């Protein structure tokens, strides 16, 4: 399964395309950021984010999109900006007809580090290890998108295992 992980933001939106290999290792096919200019009108910036998500989806044909939910511990202004960027991502995913899985920051941190309150450095170090990368992805938004994708891949693997177990039990 190929997942597009997204860490939304209006200036920088991190993205990653990742999958789990048959030997259970994680592979990052591509990652980076979608950049918009603060000088451009907000509507144009959101349109660029939506368009970039669509272009990535058409180029890579992911099976799902995983996006980080808004963290409410930040300033109200930041929460609204991230929420608007998330909306642009969700519209892009909907236009592609892709299912969207949403995860809180603590869920992502728990999946990647085993600790839901891990700091940014710990998450980045584990992203490097989990994907077998030679260095921590830069900027931080790209590393965060890889973490979101890893969280989704783990979550989906667990759901598939549970569903398989239920089918097994139903067949008895």
N, C-alpha and C. Protein backbone atom coordinates (compact mmCIF):
# COMPACT_ATOMS: atom_id res chain seq x y z
N UNK A 1 0.83 -1.17 0.00
CA UNK A 1 0.00 0.00 0.00
C UNK A 1 0.88 1.24 0.00
N UNK A 2 0.56 2.18 -0.87
CA UNK A 2 1.28 3.44 -0.96
C UNK A 2 0.44 4.53 -0.30
N UNK A 3 1.05 5.25 0.63
CA UNK A 3 0.37 6.29 1.39
C UNK A 3 1.06 7.63 1.13
N UNK A 4 0.23 8.67 0.93
CA UNK A 4 0.75 10.02 0.87
C UNK A 4 0.54 10.64 2.24
N UNK A 5 1.62 10.90 2.95
CA UNK A 5 1.56 11.54 4.26
C UNK A 5 1.67 13.04 4.09
N UNK A 6 0.87 13.79 4.86
CA UNK A 6 0.85 15.25 4.74
C UNK A 6 0.94 15.89 6.12
N UNK A 7 1.84 16.86 6.25
CA UNK A 7 1.93 17.72 7.42
C UNK A 7 1.54 19.12 6.95
N UNK A 8 0.27 19.53 7.17
CA UNK A 8 -0.24 20.76 6.55
C UNK A 8 0.28 22.04 7.18
N UNK A 9 0.40 23.05 6.34
CA UNK A 9 0.76 24.40 6.75
C UNK A 9 0.56 25.32 5.57
N UNK A 10 0.34 26.60 5.82
CA UNK A 10 0.09 27.50 4.69
C UNK A 10 1.38 27.93 4.00
N UNK A 11 2.47 28.11 4.73
CA UNK A 11 3.74 28.45 4.10
C UNK A 11 4.45 27.21 3.59
N UNK A 12 4.51 26.20 4.43
CA UNK A 12 5.14 24.93 4.07
C UNK A 12 4.21 23.78 4.42
N UNK A 13 3.89 22.97 3.45
CA UNK A 13 3.15 21.74 3.67
C UNK A 13 4.10 20.59 3.35
N UNK A 14 4.40 19.78 4.35
CA UNK A 14 5.27 18.64 4.11
C UNK A 14 4.48 17.52 3.46
N UNK A 15 5.12 16.81 2.54
CA UNK A 15 4.48 15.65 1.92
C UNK A 15 5.48 14.50 1.85
N UNK A 16 4.95 13.30 1.83
CA UNK A 16 5.78 12.10 1.68
C UNK A 16 4.96 11.02 1.02
N UNK A 17 5.59 10.25 0.18
CA UNK A 17 4.97 9.07 -0.42
C UNK A 17 5.78 7.88 0.08
N UNK A 18 5.10 7.01 0.80
CA UNK A 18 5.80 5.91 1.48
C UNK A 18 4.98 4.64 1.42
N UNK A 19 5.69 3.53 1.53
CA UNK A 19 5.02 2.23 1.57
C UNK A 19 5.82 1.27 2.45
N UNK A 20 5.15 0.18 2.80
CA UNK A 20 5.80 -0.89 3.57
C UNK A 20 6.18 -1.97 2.57
N UNK A 21 7.42 -2.38 2.63
CA UNK A 21 7.92 -3.42 1.74
C UNK A 21 7.52 -4.80 2.27
N UNK A 22 7.58 -5.83 1.41
CA UNK A 22 7.21 -7.18 1.87
C UNK A 22 7.98 -7.65 3.10
N UNK A 23 9.22 -7.18 3.26
CA UNK A 23 10.00 -7.57 4.45
C UNK A 23 9.70 -6.68 5.66
N UNK A 24 8.64 -5.85 5.55
CA UNK A 24 8.12 -4.98 6.61
C UNK A 24 8.90 -3.69 6.82
N UNK A 25 9.97 -3.48 6.07
CA UNK A 25 10.67 -2.19 6.16
C UNK A 25 9.84 -1.11 5.50
N UNK A 26 10.05 0.14 5.93
CA UNK A 26 9.38 1.27 5.31
C UNK A 26 10.28 1.85 4.21
N UNK A 27 9.65 2.26 3.13
CA UNK A 27 10.38 2.87 2.02
C UNK A 27 9.77 4.23 1.70
N UNK A 28 10.62 5.24 1.63
CA UNK A 28 10.19 6.59 1.24
C UNK A 28 10.47 6.74 -0.25
N UNK A 29 9.40 6.84 -1.05
CA UNK A 29 9.59 7.00 -2.48
C UNK A 29 9.94 8.43 -2.84
N UNK A 30 9.31 9.37 -2.15
CA UNK A 30 9.57 10.79 -2.40
C UNK A 30 9.07 11.57 -1.19
N UNK A 31 9.76 12.65 -0.88
CA UNK A 31 9.29 13.55 0.17
C UNK A 31 9.84 14.94 -0.07
N UNK A 32 9.15 15.92 0.50
CA UNK A 32 9.57 17.30 0.33
C UNK A 32 8.52 18.23 0.89
N UNK A 33 8.47 19.44 0.35
CA UNK A 33 7.51 20.42 0.82
C UNK A 33 6.83 21.13 -0.35
N UNK A 34 5.63 21.55 -0.08
CA UNK A 34 4.88 22.42 -0.98
C UNK A 34 5.01 23.81 -0.36
N UNK A 35 5.64 24.73 -1.07
CA UNK A 35 5.88 26.07 -0.54
C UNK A 35 4.94 27.08 -1.19
N UNK A 36 4.41 27.96 -0.36
CA UNK A 36 3.63 29.06 -0.88
C UNK A 36 4.20 30.36 -0.32
N UNK A 37 3.96 31.44 -1.01
CA UNK A 37 4.50 32.74 -0.61
C UNK A 37 3.51 33.51 0.27
N UNK A 38 3.98 34.01 1.40
CA UNK A 38 3.11 34.83 2.26
C UNK A 38 2.62 36.10 1.55
N UNK A 39 3.29 36.50 0.48
CA UNK A 39 2.86 37.69 -0.25
C UNK A 39 1.64 37.42 -1.13
N UNK A 40 1.37 36.15 -1.44
CA UNK A 40 0.23 35.81 -2.28
C UNK A 40 -1.05 35.78 -1.46
N UNK A 41 -2.20 36.04 -2.10
CA UNK A 41 -3.47 35.96 -1.38
C UNK A 41 -3.69 34.53 -0.85
N UNK A 42 -4.34 34.45 0.30
CA UNK A 42 -4.57 33.15 0.94
C UNK A 42 -5.29 32.18 0.00
N UNK A 43 -6.27 32.66 -0.73
CA UNK A 43 -7.01 31.77 -1.64
C UNK A 43 -6.07 31.15 -2.67
N UNK A 44 -5.14 31.92 -3.17
CA UNK A 44 -4.17 31.41 -4.15
C UNK A 44 -3.25 30.37 -3.51
N UNK A 45 -2.81 30.64 -2.29
CA UNK A 45 -1.92 29.70 -1.59
C UNK A 45 -2.62 28.37 -1.34
N UNK A 46 -3.89 28.44 -0.90
CA UNK A 46 -4.64 27.22 -0.65
C UNK A 46 -4.88 26.46 -1.96
N UNK A 47 -5.13 27.19 -3.03
CA UNK A 47 -5.30 26.57 -4.34
C UNK A 47 -4.03 25.84 -4.78
N UNK A 48 -2.87 26.44 -4.51
CA UNK A 48 -1.59 25.80 -4.85
C UNK A 48 -1.38 24.51 -4.07
N UNK A 49 -1.76 24.53 -2.79
CA UNK A 49 -1.62 23.32 -1.97
C UNK A 49 -2.52 22.21 -2.51
N UNK A 50 -3.76 22.55 -2.79
CA UNK A 50 -4.71 21.57 -3.34
C UNK A 50 -4.20 21.01 -4.66
N UNK A 51 -3.74 21.88 -5.53
CA UNK A 51 -3.23 21.47 -6.85
C UNK A 51 -2.00 20.57 -6.71
N UNK A 52 -1.10 20.90 -5.79
CA UNK A 52 0.10 20.10 -5.59
C UNK A 52 -0.26 18.70 -5.08
N UNK A 53 -1.23 18.61 -4.17
CA UNK A 53 -1.67 17.30 -3.68
C UNK A 53 -2.24 16.49 -4.84
N UNK A 54 -3.04 17.13 -5.67
CA UNK A 54 -3.59 16.43 -6.84
C UNK A 54 -2.49 15.95 -7.77
N UNK A 55 -1.52 16.81 -8.05
CA UNK A 55 -0.43 16.44 -8.95
C UNK A 55 0.39 15.27 -8.39
N UNK A 56 0.68 15.31 -7.10
CA UNK A 56 1.41 14.21 -6.46
C UNK A 56 0.60 12.92 -6.56
N UNK A 57 -0.71 13.04 -6.32
CA UNK A 57 -1.58 11.87 -6.39
C UNK A 57 -1.63 11.28 -7.79
N UNK A 58 -1.74 12.13 -8.79
CA UNK A 58 -1.79 11.64 -10.18
C UNK A 58 -0.45 11.03 -10.59
N UNK A 59 0.65 11.60 -10.13
CA UNK A 59 1.97 11.10 -10.49
C UNK A 59 2.30 9.77 -9.82
N UNK A 60 1.85 9.58 -8.58
CA UNK A 60 2.26 8.40 -7.80
C UNK A 60 1.15 7.38 -7.56
N UNK A 61 -0.10 7.76 -7.76
CA UNK A 61 -1.24 6.87 -7.56
C UNK A 61 -1.26 6.22 -6.17
N UNK A 62 -1.24 7.02 -5.10
CA UNK A 62 -1.30 6.43 -3.76
C UNK A 62 -2.66 5.79 -3.51
N UNK A 63 -2.69 4.90 -2.52
CA UNK A 63 -3.92 4.23 -2.13
C UNK A 63 -4.70 5.03 -1.09
N UNK A 64 -4.01 5.92 -0.39
CA UNK A 64 -4.64 6.69 0.68
C UNK A 64 -3.82 7.93 0.98
N UNK A 65 -4.46 8.87 1.67
CA UNK A 65 -3.80 10.08 2.15
C UNK A 65 -3.91 10.07 3.67
N UNK A 66 -2.80 10.35 4.33
CA UNK A 66 -2.77 10.47 5.79
C UNK A 66 -2.38 11.91 6.12
N UNK A 67 -3.16 12.54 6.98
CA UNK A 67 -2.90 13.95 7.29
C UNK A 67 -2.94 14.15 8.80
N UNK A 68 -2.06 15.02 9.26
CA UNK A 68 -2.04 15.33 10.69
C UNK A 68 -3.17 16.29 11.02
N UNK A 69 -3.83 16.03 12.15
CA UNK A 69 -4.90 16.92 12.61
C UNK A 69 -4.31 18.18 13.20
N UNK A 70 -5.14 19.19 13.34
CA UNK A 70 -4.71 20.47 13.89
C UNK A 70 -4.45 20.31 15.37
N UNK A 71 -3.33 20.87 15.82
CA UNK A 71 -2.96 20.85 17.23
C UNK A 71 -3.43 22.15 17.87
N UNK A 72 -4.28 22.06 18.87
CA UNK A 72 -4.91 23.25 19.45
C UNK A 72 -4.10 23.94 20.53
N UNK A 73 -2.89 23.49 20.81
CA UNK A 73 -2.07 24.14 21.81
C UNK A 73 -1.37 25.38 21.27
N UNK A 74 -1.46 25.60 19.97
CA UNK A 74 -0.82 26.74 19.33
C UNK A 74 -1.73 27.95 19.38
N UNK A 75 -1.24 29.05 18.84
CA UNK A 75 -2.05 30.27 18.80
C UNK A 75 -3.27 30.07 17.90
N UNK A 76 -4.32 30.82 18.18
CA UNK A 76 -5.55 30.71 17.39
C UNK A 76 -5.27 31.01 15.92
N UNK A 77 -4.46 31.99 15.65
CA UNK A 77 -4.13 32.35 14.26
C UNK A 77 -3.47 31.17 13.54
N UNK A 78 -2.53 30.52 14.21
CA UNK A 78 -1.84 29.38 13.62
C UNK A 78 -2.80 28.21 13.40
N UNK A 79 -3.69 27.97 14.36
CA UNK A 79 -4.66 26.89 14.24
C UNK A 79 -5.55 27.10 13.01
N UNK A 80 -6.01 28.32 12.81
CA UNK A 80 -6.85 28.61 11.65
C UNK A 80 -6.08 28.42 10.35
N UNK A 81 -4.84 28.88 10.30
CA UNK A 81 -4.03 28.75 9.09
C UNK A 81 -3.80 27.28 8.75
N UNK A 82 -3.42 26.49 9.76
CA UNK A 82 -3.19 25.06 9.52
C UNK A 82 -4.50 24.38 9.13
N UNK A 83 -5.59 24.77 9.77
CA UNK A 83 -6.89 24.21 9.42
C UNK A 83 -7.27 24.49 7.98
N UNK A 84 -6.96 25.68 7.50
CA UNK A 84 -7.25 26.01 6.11
C UNK A 84 -6.37 25.19 5.16
N UNK A 85 -5.11 25.01 5.50
CA UNK A 85 -4.22 24.18 4.68
C UNK A 85 -4.70 22.73 4.67
N UNK A 86 -5.15 22.25 5.83
CA UNK A 86 -5.71 20.89 5.90
C UNK A 86 -6.91 20.76 4.97
N UNK A 87 -7.74 21.80 4.96
CA UNK A 87 -8.91 21.80 4.07
C UNK A 87 -8.51 21.67 2.62
N UNK A 88 -7.46 22.38 2.22
CA UNK A 88 -6.98 22.30 0.83
C UNK A 88 -6.48 20.88 0.53
N UNK A 89 -5.80 20.27 1.49
CA UNK A 89 -5.32 18.89 1.32
C UNK A 89 -6.50 17.93 1.19
N UNK A 90 -7.50 18.11 2.05
CA UNK A 90 -8.67 17.22 2.01
C UNK A 90 -9.43 17.35 0.70
N UNK A 91 -9.53 18.56 0.17
CA UNK A 91 -10.19 18.75 -1.13
C UNK A 91 -9.39 18.06 -2.23
N UNK A 92 -8.07 18.21 -2.20
CA UNK A 92 -7.23 17.54 -3.19
C UNK A 92 -7.40 16.03 -3.14
N UNK A 93 -7.42 15.47 -1.93
CA UNK A 93 -7.61 14.02 -1.78
C UNK A 93 -8.98 13.60 -2.27
N UNK A 94 -10.00 14.40 -1.97
CA UNK A 94 -11.37 14.08 -2.41
C UNK A 94 -11.47 14.11 -3.93
N UNK A 95 -10.80 15.08 -4.56
CA UNK A 95 -10.83 15.17 -6.01
C UNK A 95 -10.18 13.95 -6.65
N UNK A 96 -9.23 13.33 -5.94
CA UNK A 96 -8.57 12.12 -6.42
C UNK A 96 -9.38 10.86 -6.07
N UNK A 97 -10.39 11.03 -5.22
CA UNK A 97 -11.19 9.89 -4.79
C UNK A 97 -10.47 8.99 -3.80
N UNK A 98 -9.54 9.56 -3.05
CA UNK A 98 -8.74 8.77 -2.11
C UNK A 98 -9.30 8.82 -0.70
N UNK A 99 -9.22 7.71 0.03
CA UNK A 99 -9.61 7.75 1.44
C UNK A 99 -8.58 8.57 2.22
N UNK A 100 -9.05 9.25 3.25
CA UNK A 100 -8.19 10.08 4.08
C UNK A 100 -8.21 9.54 5.51
N UNK A 101 -7.03 9.38 6.07
CA UNK A 101 -6.88 8.95 7.46
C UNK A 101 -6.24 10.10 8.21
N UNK A 102 -6.81 10.45 9.37
CA UNK A 102 -6.34 11.59 10.13
C UNK A 102 -5.79 11.14 11.48
N UNK A 103 -4.67 11.75 11.87
CA UNK A 103 -3.99 11.36 13.10
C UNK A 103 -3.58 12.60 13.88
N UNK A 104 -3.71 12.52 15.19
CA UNK A 104 -3.25 13.61 16.04
C UNK A 104 -1.73 13.53 16.16
N UNK A 105 -1.12 14.63 16.58
CA UNK A 105 0.33 14.64 16.78
C UNK A 105 0.76 13.57 17.80
N UNK A 106 0.06 13.41 18.94
CA UNK A 106 0.46 12.35 19.87
C UNK A 106 0.35 10.94 19.26
N UNK A 107 -0.65 10.71 18.41
CA UNK A 107 -0.76 9.40 17.75
C UNK A 107 0.43 9.15 16.82
N UNK A 108 0.83 10.17 16.10
CA UNK A 108 1.97 10.04 15.19
C UNK A 108 3.24 9.78 15.99
N UNK A 109 3.44 10.56 17.04
CA UNK A 109 4.63 10.39 17.88
C UNK A 109 4.67 9.01 18.51
N UNK A 110 3.52 8.53 18.99
CA UNK A 110 3.43 7.19 19.59
C UNK A 110 3.81 6.12 18.58
N UNK A 111 3.29 6.24 17.37
CA UNK A 111 3.57 5.24 16.33
C UNK A 111 5.04 5.22 15.94
N UNK A 112 5.66 6.39 15.90
CA UNK A 112 7.03 6.48 15.41
C UNK A 112 8.07 6.25 16.50
N UNK A 113 7.82 6.77 17.70
CA UNK A 113 8.83 6.69 18.76
C UNK A 113 8.44 5.77 19.92
N UNK A 114 7.14 5.45 20.01
CA UNK A 114 6.67 4.67 21.16
C UNK A 114 6.29 5.55 22.34
N UNK A 115 6.37 6.87 22.15
CA UNK A 115 6.06 7.81 23.22
C UNK A 115 5.28 8.99 22.62
N UNK A 116 4.03 9.18 23.05
CA UNK A 116 3.15 10.19 22.49
C UNK A 116 3.52 11.63 22.75
N UNK A 117 4.51 11.84 23.63
CA UNK A 117 4.93 13.22 23.91
C UNK A 117 6.39 13.43 23.53
N UNK A 118 6.87 12.63 22.59
CA UNK A 118 8.26 12.76 22.13
C UNK A 118 8.47 14.15 21.53
N UNK A 119 9.72 14.63 21.62
CA UNK A 119 9.99 15.94 21.02
C UNK A 119 10.35 15.77 19.54
N UNK A 120 10.43 16.88 18.85
CA UNK A 120 10.65 16.90 17.40
C UNK A 120 11.95 16.16 17.02
N UNK A 121 13.01 16.35 17.79
CA UNK A 121 14.29 15.68 17.50
C UNK A 121 14.15 14.16 17.55
N UNK A 122 13.43 13.66 18.56
CA UNK A 122 13.23 12.21 18.69
C UNK A 122 12.45 11.66 17.50
N UNK A 123 11.41 12.37 17.09
CA UNK A 123 10.60 11.93 15.94
C UNK A 123 11.47 11.91 14.69
N UNK A 124 12.24 12.96 14.46
CA UNK A 124 13.08 13.03 13.28
C UNK A 124 14.14 11.92 13.27
N UNK A 125 14.73 11.65 14.41
CA UNK A 125 15.74 10.59 14.49
C UNK A 125 15.12 9.23 14.17
N UNK A 126 13.91 8.99 14.67
CA UNK A 126 13.25 7.72 14.39
C UNK A 126 12.79 7.61 12.94
N UNK A 127 12.38 8.72 12.34
CA UNK A 127 12.02 8.71 10.93
C UNK A 127 13.24 8.27 10.11
N UNK A 128 14.38 8.82 10.43
CA UNK A 128 15.62 8.44 9.74
C UNK A 128 15.87 6.94 9.86
N UNK A 129 15.72 6.41 11.06
CA UNK A 129 15.95 4.98 11.30
C UNK A 129 14.89 4.12 10.61
N UNK A 130 13.62 4.47 10.79
CA UNK A 130 12.53 3.65 10.24
C UNK A 130 12.59 3.52 8.72
N UNK A 131 13.01 4.59 8.06
CA UNK A 131 13.07 4.56 6.59
C UNK A 131 14.46 4.21 6.07
N UNK A 132 15.42 4.00 6.97
CA UNK A 132 16.78 3.65 6.54
C UNK A 132 17.45 4.77 5.76
N UNK A 133 17.21 6.01 6.17
CA UNK A 133 17.78 7.16 5.48
C UNK A 133 19.17 7.48 6.03
N UNK A 134 19.99 8.13 5.22
CA UNK A 134 21.34 8.48 5.66
C UNK A 134 21.36 9.74 6.52
N UNK A 135 20.32 10.56 6.40
CA UNK A 135 20.23 11.77 7.23
C UNK A 135 18.77 12.09 7.50
N UNK A 136 18.55 12.94 8.49
CA UNK A 136 17.20 13.37 8.83
C UNK A 136 16.67 14.23 7.67
N UNK A 137 15.46 13.94 7.19
CA UNK A 137 14.90 14.73 6.10
C UNK A 137 14.72 16.20 6.51
N UNK A 138 15.02 17.09 5.59
CA UNK A 138 14.85 18.52 5.80
C UNK A 138 13.95 19.06 4.70
N UNK A 139 13.18 20.07 4.96
CA UNK A 139 12.96 20.68 6.27
C UNK A 139 12.13 19.78 7.18
N UNK A 140 11.90 20.24 8.40
CA UNK A 140 11.17 19.47 9.41
C UNK A 140 9.82 18.98 8.90
N UNK A 141 9.17 19.79 8.07
CA UNK A 141 7.83 19.45 7.57
C UNK A 141 7.85 18.16 6.75
N UNK A 142 8.94 17.93 6.01
CA UNK A 142 9.06 16.69 5.23
C UNK A 142 9.23 15.49 6.15
N UNK A 143 10.05 15.65 7.20
CA UNK A 143 10.22 14.57 8.18
C UNK A 143 8.89 14.28 8.88
N UNK A 144 8.14 15.33 9.19
CA UNK A 144 6.84 15.14 9.84
C UNK A 144 5.87 14.40 8.93
N UNK A 145 5.91 14.70 7.63
CA UNK A 145 5.04 14.00 6.68
C UNK A 145 5.41 12.53 6.59
N UNK A 146 6.70 12.21 6.65
CA UNK A 146 7.13 10.81 6.67
C UNK A 146 6.64 10.12 7.94
N UNK A 147 6.64 10.84 9.06
CA UNK A 147 6.14 10.28 10.32
C UNK A 147 4.64 10.00 10.21
N UNK A 148 3.88 10.91 9.61
CA UNK A 148 2.44 10.71 9.44
C UNK A 148 2.18 9.49 8.55
N UNK A 149 2.95 9.35 7.48
CA UNK A 149 2.80 8.19 6.60
C UNK A 149 3.11 6.89 7.34
N UNK A 150 4.17 6.89 8.16
CA UNK A 150 4.53 5.70 8.94
C UNK A 150 3.42 5.34 9.91
N UNK A 151 2.85 6.34 10.56
CA UNK A 151 1.73 6.11 11.48
C UNK A 151 0.57 5.45 10.76
N UNK A 152 0.23 5.96 9.59
CA UNK A 152 -0.87 5.40 8.81
C UNK A 152 -0.58 3.96 8.38
N UNK A 153 0.62 3.73 7.90
CA UNK A 153 0.98 2.37 7.45
C UNK A 153 0.89 1.38 8.61
N UNK A 154 1.33 1.78 9.80
CA UNK A 154 1.21 0.91 10.98
C UNK A 154 -0.24 0.70 11.36
N UNK A 155 -1.02 1.77 11.34
CA UNK A 155 -2.43 1.69 11.69
C UNK A 155 -3.19 0.77 10.73
N UNK A 156 -2.95 0.93 9.45
CA UNK A 156 -3.64 0.10 8.45
C UNK A 156 -3.22 -1.36 8.57
N UNK A 157 -1.95 -1.60 8.86
CA UNK A 157 -1.48 -2.97 9.05
C UNK A 157 -2.20 -3.63 10.22
N UNK A 158 -2.40 -2.86 11.30
CA UNK A 158 -3.10 -3.38 12.47
C UNK A 158 -4.56 -3.67 12.13
N UNK A 159 -5.21 -2.77 11.41
CA UNK A 159 -6.61 -2.98 11.02
C UNK A 159 -6.75 -4.21 10.13
N UNK A 160 -5.81 -4.41 9.21
CA UNK A 160 -5.86 -5.58 8.34
C UNK A 160 -5.67 -6.87 9.14
N UNK A 161 -4.78 -6.83 10.12
CA UNK A 161 -4.55 -8.02 10.95
C UNK A 161 -5.80 -8.36 11.76
N UNK A 162 -6.44 -7.34 12.32
CA UNK A 162 -7.66 -7.57 13.11
C UNK A 162 -8.77 -8.10 12.20
N UNK A 163 -8.92 -7.50 11.02
CA UNK A 163 -9.96 -7.95 10.08
C UNK A 163 -9.71 -9.40 9.66
N UNK A 164 -8.46 -9.75 9.41
CA UNK A 164 -8.13 -11.12 9.05
C UNK A 164 -8.46 -12.09 10.16
N UNK A 165 -8.16 -11.68 11.37
CA UNK A 165 -8.45 -12.53 12.55
C UNK A 165 -9.97 -12.72 12.69
N UNK A 166 -10.73 -11.68 12.47
CA UNK A 166 -12.19 -11.78 12.58
C UNK A 166 -12.75 -12.71 11.50
N UNK A 167 -12.22 -12.60 10.29
CA UNK A 167 -12.67 -13.51 9.20
C UNK A 167 -12.33 -14.95 9.56
N UNK A 168 -11.16 -15.15 10.13
CA UNK A 168 -10.74 -16.48 10.55
C UNK A 168 -11.69 -17.04 11.59
N UNK A 169 -12.02 -16.23 12.59
CA UNK A 169 -12.91 -16.68 13.65
C UNK A 169 -14.33 -16.92 13.15
N UNK A 170 -14.77 -16.11 12.19
CA UNK A 170 -16.11 -16.26 11.63
C UNK A 170 -16.22 -17.55 10.81
N UNK A 171 -15.11 -17.98 10.25
CA UNK A 171 -15.09 -19.17 9.41
C UNK A 171 -15.08 -20.47 10.22
N UNK A 172 -14.90 -20.37 11.51
CA UNK A 172 -14.85 -21.58 12.35
C UNK A 172 -16.20 -22.08 12.68
